[in-house]
PDB file of N, CA and C in Angstrom:
ATOM      1  N   MET A   1     110.723 121.801 106.852  1.00  0.00           N
ATOM      2  CA  MET A   1     109.182 121.448 106.899  1.00  0.00           C
ATOM      3  C   MET A   1     108.938 121.273 105.390  1.00  0.00           C
ATOM      4  N   LYS A   2     109.020 122.478 104.706  1.00  0.00           N
ATOM      5  CA  LYS A   2     108.857 122.478 103.098  1.00  0.00           C
ATOM      6  C   LYS A   2     109.647 121.499 102.497  1.00  0.00           C
ATOM      7  N   LEU A   3     110.983 121.490 102.973  1.00  0.00           N
ATOM      8  CA  LEU A   3     111.962 120.623 102.126  1.00  0.00           C
ATOM      9  C   LEU A   3     111.371 118.884 102.350  1.00  0.00           C
ATOM     10  N   VAL A   4     110.906 118.680 103.340  1.00  0.00           N
ATOM     11  CA  VAL A   4     110.302 117.393 103.581  1.00  0.00           C
ATOM     12  C   VAL A   4     109.067 117.017 102.828  1.00  0.00           C
ATOM     13  N   LEU A   5     108.284 118.020 102.711  1.00  0.00           N
ATOM     14  CA  LEU A   5     107.124 117.918 101.730  1.00  0.00           C
ATOM     15  C   LEU A   5     107.422 117.882 100.324  1.00  0.00           C
ATOM     16  N   ILE A   6     108.420 118.696  99.952  1.00  0.00           N
ATOM     17  CA  ILE A   6     109.103 118.740  98.444  1.00  0.00           C
ATOM     18  C   ILE A   6     109.681 117.263  98.191  1.00  0.00           C
ATOM     19  N   ILE A   7     110.430 116.779  98.958  1.00  0.00           N
ATOM     20  CA  ILE A   7     110.827 115.455  98.806  1.00  0.00           C
ATOM     21  C   ILE A   7     109.908 114.339  98.531  1.00  0.00           C
ATOM     22  N   LEU A   8     109.022 114.367  99.739  1.00  0.00           N
ATOM     23  CA  LEU A   8     108.095 113.336  99.474  1.00  0.00           C
ATOM     24  C   LEU A   8     107.231 113.474  98.358  1.00  0.00           C
ATOM     25  N   LEU A   9     106.758 114.586  97.892  1.00  0.00           N
ATOM     26  CA  LEU A   9     105.966 114.736  96.528  1.00  0.00           C
ATOM     27  C   LEU A   9     106.900 114.186  95.501  1.00  0.00           C
ATOM     28  N   LEU A  10     108.363 114.591  95.490  1.00  0.00           N
ATOM     29  CA  LEU A  10     109.064 114.137  94.576  1.00  0.00           C
ATOM     30  C   LEU A  10     109.286 112.671  94.329  1.00  0.00           C
ATOM     31  N   ALA A  11     109.164 112.069  95.431  1.00  0.00           N
ATOM     32  CA  ALA A  11     109.386 110.499  95.330  1.00  0.00           C
ATOM     33  C   ALA A  11     107.963 109.897  95.020  1.00  0.00           C
ATOM     34  N   ILE A  12     107.121 110.398  95.378  1.00  0.00           N
ATOM     35  CA  ILE A  12     105.826 109.974  94.912  1.00  0.00           C
ATOM     36  C   ILE A  12     105.700 109.994  93.395  1.00  0.00           C
ATOM     37  N   VAL A  13     106.149 111.329  92.750  1.00  0.00           N
ATOM     38  CA  VAL A  13     106.061 111.267  91.290  1.00  0.00           C
ATOM     39  C   VAL A  13     107.024 110.458  90.726  1.00  0.00           C
ATOM     40  N   ALA A  14     108.203 110.221  91.173  1.00  0.00           N
ATOM     41  CA  ALA A  14     109.086 109.179  90.878  1.00  0.00           C
ATOM     42  C   ALA A  14     108.557 107.836  90.716  1.00  0.00           C
ATOM     43  N   SER A  15     107.862 107.391  91.790  1.00  0.00           N
ATOM     44  CA  SER A  15     107.243 106.057  91.850  1.00  0.00           C
ATOM     45  C   SER A  15     106.229 105.928  90.861  1.00  0.00           C
ATOM     46  N   LEU A  16     105.461 107.041  90.572  1.00  0.00           N
ATOM     47  CA  LEU A  16     104.362 106.987  89.491  1.00  0.00           C
ATOM     48  C   LEU A  16     104.982 106.847  88.161  1.00  0.00           C
ATOM     49  N   ALA A  17     106.271 107.508  87.948  1.00  0.00           N
ATOM     50  CA  ALA A  17     106.736 107.429  86.644  1.00  0.00           C
ATOM     51  C   ALA A  17     107.269 106.126  86.527  1.00  0.00           C
ATOM     52  N   SER A  18     108.179 105.502  87.488  1.00  0.00           N
ATOM     53  CA  SER A  18     108.618 104.119  87.243  1.00  0.00           C
ATOM     54  C   SER A  18     107.484 103.059  87.213  1.00  0.00           C
ATOM     55  N   GLY A  19     106.207 103.156  87.751  1.00  0.00           N
ATOM     56  CA  GLY A  19     105.252 102.342  87.601  1.00  0.00           C
ATOM     57  C   GLY A  19     104.543 102.494  86.156  1.00  0.00           C
ATOM     58  N   LEU A  20     104.652 103.576  85.663  1.00  0.00           N
ATOM     59  CA  LEU A  20     104.262 103.750  84.140  1.00  0.00           C
ATOM     60  C   LEU A  20     105.130 103.177  83.233  1.00  0.00           C
ATOM     61  N   TRP A  21     106.544 103.338  83.629  1.00  0.00           N
ATOM     62  CA  TRP A  21     107.712 102.791  82.727  1.00  0.00           C
ATOM     63  C   TRP A  21     107.408 101.080  82.825  1.00  0.00           C
ATOM     64  N   PHE A  22     107.254 100.492  84.013  1.00  0.00           N
ATOM     65  CA  PHE A  22     107.271  99.022  84.126  1.00  0.00           C
ATOM     66  C   PHE A  22     106.230  98.481  83.456  1.00  0.00           C
ATOM     67  N   LEU A  23     104.934  99.302  83.562  1.00  0.00           N
ATOM     68  CA  LEU A  23     103.657  98.977  82.856  1.00  0.00           C
ATOM     69  C   LEU A  23     103.804  99.078  81.149  1.00  0.00           C
ATOM     70  N   ALA A  24     104.658  99.845  80.809  1.00  0.00           N
ATOM     71  CA  ALA A  24     104.691 100.096  79.456  1.00  0.00           C
ATOM     72  C   ALA A  24     105.728  99.162  78.700  1.00  0.00           C
ATOM     73  N   LYS A  25     106.859  98.781  79.556  1.00  0.00           N
ATOM     74  CA  LYS A  25     108.027  98.193  78.993  1.00  0.00           C
ATOM     75  C   LYS A  25     108.351  96.806  79.437  1.00  0.00           C
ATOM     76  N   ASP A  26     107.670  96.568  80.587  1.00  0.00           N
ATOM     77  CA  ASP A  26     108.043  95.289  81.255  1.00  0.00           C
ATOM     78  C   ASP A  26     107.391  94.114  80.390  1.00  0.00           C
ATOM     79  N   ASP A  27     108.163  93.239  79.731  1.00  0.00           N
ATOM     80  CA  ASP A  27     107.803  92.040  79.087  1.00  0.00           C
ATOM     81  C   ASP A  27     107.830  90.931  79.870  1.00  0.00           C
ATOM     82  N   GLN A  28     108.202  90.915  81.124  1.00  0.00           N
ATOM     83  CA  GLN A  28     108.396  89.517  81.793  1.00  0.00           C
ATOM     84  C   GLN A  28     107.008  89.270  82.559  1.00  0.00           C
ATOM     85  N   GLY A  29     106.245  90.153  82.657  1.00  0.00           N
ATOM     86  CA  GLY A  29     105.071  90.005  83.467  1.00  0.00           C
ATOM     87  C   GLY A  29     105.422  89.801  84.867  1.00  0.00           C
ATOM     88  N   GLY A  30     106.390  90.577  85.588  1.00  0.00           N
ATOM     89  CA  GLY A  30     106.602  90.575  86.935  1.00  0.00           C
ATOM     90  C   GLY A  30     105.734  91.350  87.679  1.00  0.00           C
ATOM     91  N   THR A  31     106.272  91.578  88.922  1.00  0.00           N
ATOM     92  CA  THR A  31     105.374  92.301  89.800  1.00  0.00           C
ATOM     93  C   THR A  31     106.066  93.649  90.119  1.00  0.00           C
ATOM     94  N   ARG A  32     106.707  94.281  89.369  1.00  0.00           N
ATOM     95  CA  ARG A  32     107.376  95.429  89.671  1.00  0.00           C
ATOM     96  C   ARG A  32     106.487  96.647  89.488  1.00  0.00           C
ATOM     97  N   VAL A  33     105.256  96.564  88.768  1.00  0.00           N
ATOM     98  CA  VAL A  33     104.185  97.673  88.672  1.00  0.00           C
ATOM     99  C   VAL A  33     103.424  97.608  90.026  1.00  0.00           C
ATOM    100  N   LEU A  34     103.267  96.406  90.522  1.00  0.00           N
ATOM    101  CA  LEU A  34     102.508  96.195  91.780  1.00  0.00           C
ATOM    102  C   LEU A  34     103.668  96.918  93.006  1.00  0.00           C
ATOM    103  N   THR A  35     104.726  96.578  92.995  1.00  0.00           N
ATOM    104  CA  THR A  35     105.816  97.012  93.986  1.00  0.00           C
ATOM    105  C   THR A  35     105.665  98.552  93.782  1.00  0.00           C
ATOM    106  N   ALA A  36     105.775  99.168  92.802  1.00  0.00           N
ATOM    107  CA  ALA A  36     105.722 100.766  92.398  1.00  0.00           C
ATOM    108  C   ALA A  36     104.459 101.201  93.054  1.00  0.00           C
ATOM    109  N   LEU A  37     103.548 100.646  92.967  1.00  0.00           N
ATOM    110  CA  LEU A  37     101.976 100.895  93.550  1.00  0.00           C
ATOM    111  C   LEU A  37     102.121 100.976  95.124  1.00  0.00           C
ATOM    112  N   LYS A  38     102.782  99.856  95.435  1.00  0.00           N
ATOM    113  CA  LYS A  38     103.059  99.601  97.029  1.00  0.00           C
ATOM    114  C   LYS A  38     103.761 100.853  97.517  1.00  0.00           C
ATOM    115  N   ILE A  39     104.821 101.279  96.901  1.00  0.00           N
ATOM    116  CA  ILE A  39     105.777 102.262  97.129  1.00  0.00           C
ATOM    117  C   ILE A  39     105.008 103.587  97.273  1.00  0.00           C
ATOM    118  N   ARG A  40     104.199 103.737  96.312  1.00  0.00           N
ATOM    119  CA  ARG A  40     103.469 105.230  96.118  1.00  0.00           C
ATOM    120  C   ARG A  40     102.481 105.299  97.233  1.00  0.00           C
ATOM    121  N   VAL A  41     101.465 104.332  97.490  1.00  0.00           N
ATOM    122  CA  VAL A  41     100.946 104.301  98.444  1.00  0.00           C
ATOM    123  C   VAL A  41     101.283 104.343  99.871  1.00  0.00           C
ATOM    124  N   ALA A  42     102.429 103.888 100.047  1.00  0.00           N
ATOM    125  CA  ALA A  42     103.064 104.257 101.402  1.00  0.00           C
ATOM    126  C   ALA A  42     103.651 105.525 101.446  1.00  0.00           C
ATOM    127  N   LEU A  43     104.144 105.945 100.438  1.00  0.00           N
ATOM    128  CA  LEU A  43     104.913 107.445 100.486  1.00  0.00           C
ATOM    129  C   LEU A  43     103.470 108.428 100.651  1.00  0.00           C
ATOM    130  N   SER A  44     102.539 108.291  99.920  1.00  0.00           N
ATOM    131  CA  SER A  44     101.399 108.935 100.170  1.00  0.00           C
ATOM    132  C   SER A  44     100.808 109.002 101.518  1.00  0.00           C
ATOM    133  N   ALA A  45     100.735 107.820 102.080  1.00  0.00           N
ATOM    134  CA  ALA A  45     100.281 107.678 103.608  1.00  0.00           C
ATOM    135  C   ALA A  45     101.183 108.441 104.619  1.00  0.00           C
ATOM    136  N   LEU A  46     102.572 108.173 104.238  1.00  0.00           N
ATOM    137  CA  LEU A  46     103.551 109.001 104.945  1.00  0.00           C
ATOM    138  C   LEU A  46     103.392 110.600 104.746  1.00  0.00           C
ATOM    139  N   LEU A  47     103.025 111.042 103.727  1.00  0.00           N
ATOM    140  CA  LEU A  47     102.888 112.413 103.521  1.00  0.00           C
ATOM    141  C   LEU A  47     101.707 112.944 104.111  1.00  0.00           C
ATOM    142  N   ILE A  48     100.460 112.258 104.127  1.00  0.00           N
ATOM    143  CA  ILE A  48      99.265 112.648 104.908  1.00  0.00           C
ATOM    144  C   ILE A  48      99.529 112.539 106.481  1.00  0.00           C
ATOM    145  N   GLY A  49     100.203 111.520 106.788  1.00  0.00           N
ATOM    146  CA  GLY A  49     100.670 111.417 108.294  1.00  0.00           C
ATOM    147  C   GLY A  49     101.352 112.705 108.749  1.00  0.00           C
ATOM    148  N   PHE A  50     102.436 112.921 107.950  1.00  0.00           N
ATOM    149  CA  PHE A  50     103.302 114.130 108.332  1.00  0.00           C
ATOM    150  C   PHE A  50     102.707 115.506 108.364  1.00  0.00           C
ATOM    151  N   LEU A  51     101.720 115.562 107.279  1.00  0.00           N
ATOM    152  CA  LEU A  51     100.919 116.964 107.156  1.00  0.00           C
ATOM    153  C   LEU A  51      99.744 117.043 108.500  1.00  0.00           C
ATOM    154  N   ILE A  52      99.269 115.885 108.775  1.00  0.00           N
ATOM    155  CA  ILE A  52      98.374 115.809 110.055  1.00  0.00           C
ATOM    156  C   ILE A  52      99.409 116.138 111.427  1.00  0.00           C
ATOM    157  N   PHE A  53     100.512 115.533 111.620  1.00  0.00           N
ATOM    158  CA  PHE A  53     101.460 115.603 112.563  1.00  0.00           C
ATOM    159  C   PHE A  53     101.983 117.286 112.577  1.00  0.00           C
ATOM    160  N   GLY A  54     102.360 117.783 111.487  1.00  0.00           N
ATOM    161  CA  GLY A  54     102.744 119.062 111.558  1.00  0.00           C
ATOM    162  C   GLY A  54     101.631 120.045 111.837  1.00  0.00           C
ATOM    163  N   TYR A  55     100.381 119.952 111.379  1.00  0.00           N
ATOM    164  CA  TYR A  55      99.255 120.833 111.780  1.00  0.00           C
ATOM    165  C   TYR A  55      99.042 120.812 113.336  1.00  0.00           C
ATOM    166  N   TYR A  56      99.022 119.422 114.047  1.00  0.00           N
ATOM    167  CA  TYR A  56      98.789 119.274 115.369  1.00  0.00           C
ATOM    168  C   TYR A  56      99.929 119.958 116.163  1.00  0.00           C
ATOM    169  N   GLN A  57     101.313 119.863 115.569  1.00  0.00           N
ATOM    170  CA  GLN A  57     102.290 120.381 116.251  1.00  0.00           C
ATOM    171  C   GLN A  57     102.487 121.981 116.220  1.00  0.00           C
ATOM    172  N   GLY A  58     101.584 122.496 115.194  1.00  0.00           N
ATOM    173  CA  GLY A  58     101.867 123.938 114.923  1.00  0.00           C
ATOM    174  C   GLY A  58     102.513 124.311 113.815  1.00  0.00           C
ATOM    175  N   TRP A  59     103.172 123.362 113.216  1.00  0.00           N
ATOM    176  CA  TRP A  59     104.147 123.769 112.254  1.00  0.00           C
ATOM    177  C   TRP A  59     103.700 124.370 110.886  1.00  0.00           C
ATOM    178  N   ILE A  60     102.350 123.939 110.523  1.00  0.00           N
ATOM    179  CA  ILE A  60     101.523 124.578 109.423  1.00  0.00           C
ATOM    180  C   ILE A  60     100.126 124.659 109.926  1.00  0.00           C
ATOM    181  N   SER A  61      99.484 125.840 109.277  1.00  0.00           N
ATOM    182  CA  SER A  61      98.109 126.169 109.464  1.00  0.00           C
ATOM    183  C   SER A  61      97.488 126.300 108.261  1.00  0.00           C
ATOM    184  N   PRO A  62      96.087 126.139 108.275  1.00  0.00           N
ATOM    185  CA  PRO A  62      95.362 126.423 107.031  1.00  0.00           C
ATOM    186  C   PRO A  62      95.157 127.926 106.891  1.00  0.00           C
ATOM    187  N   ASN A  63      95.196 127.960 105.505  1.00  0.00           N
ATOM    188  CA  ASN A  63      95.337 129.492 105.209  1.00  0.00           C
ATOM    189  C   ASN A  63      93.794 129.844 104.626  1.00  0.00           C
ATOM    190  N   ILE A  64      93.084 130.187 105.557  1.00  0.00           N
ATOM    191  CA  ILE A  64      91.567 130.554 105.529  1.00  0.00           C
ATOM    192  C   ILE A  64      91.381 132.241 105.315  1.00  0.00           C
ATOM    193  N   GLY A  65      90.890 132.538 104.428  1.00  0.00           N
ATOM    194  CA  GLY A  65      90.798 133.923 104.184  1.00  0.00           C
ATOM    195  C   GLY A  65      91.016 134.604 102.805  1.00  0.00           C
TER     196      GLY A  65
END
């Protein structure tokens, strides 16, 4: 469970870094920044969905107290 969350978070950070790189260094005016944004949004939605699914399955619980 924790491994999946860590992998998703690292993939989101990698997509963020690649988007920043393309924004700073891309002279062609291509759509690579937009593609990196799409990937980052999809990975974030997947992470949120996985957290909700894990909560309802009882794999994770809120730490109240």
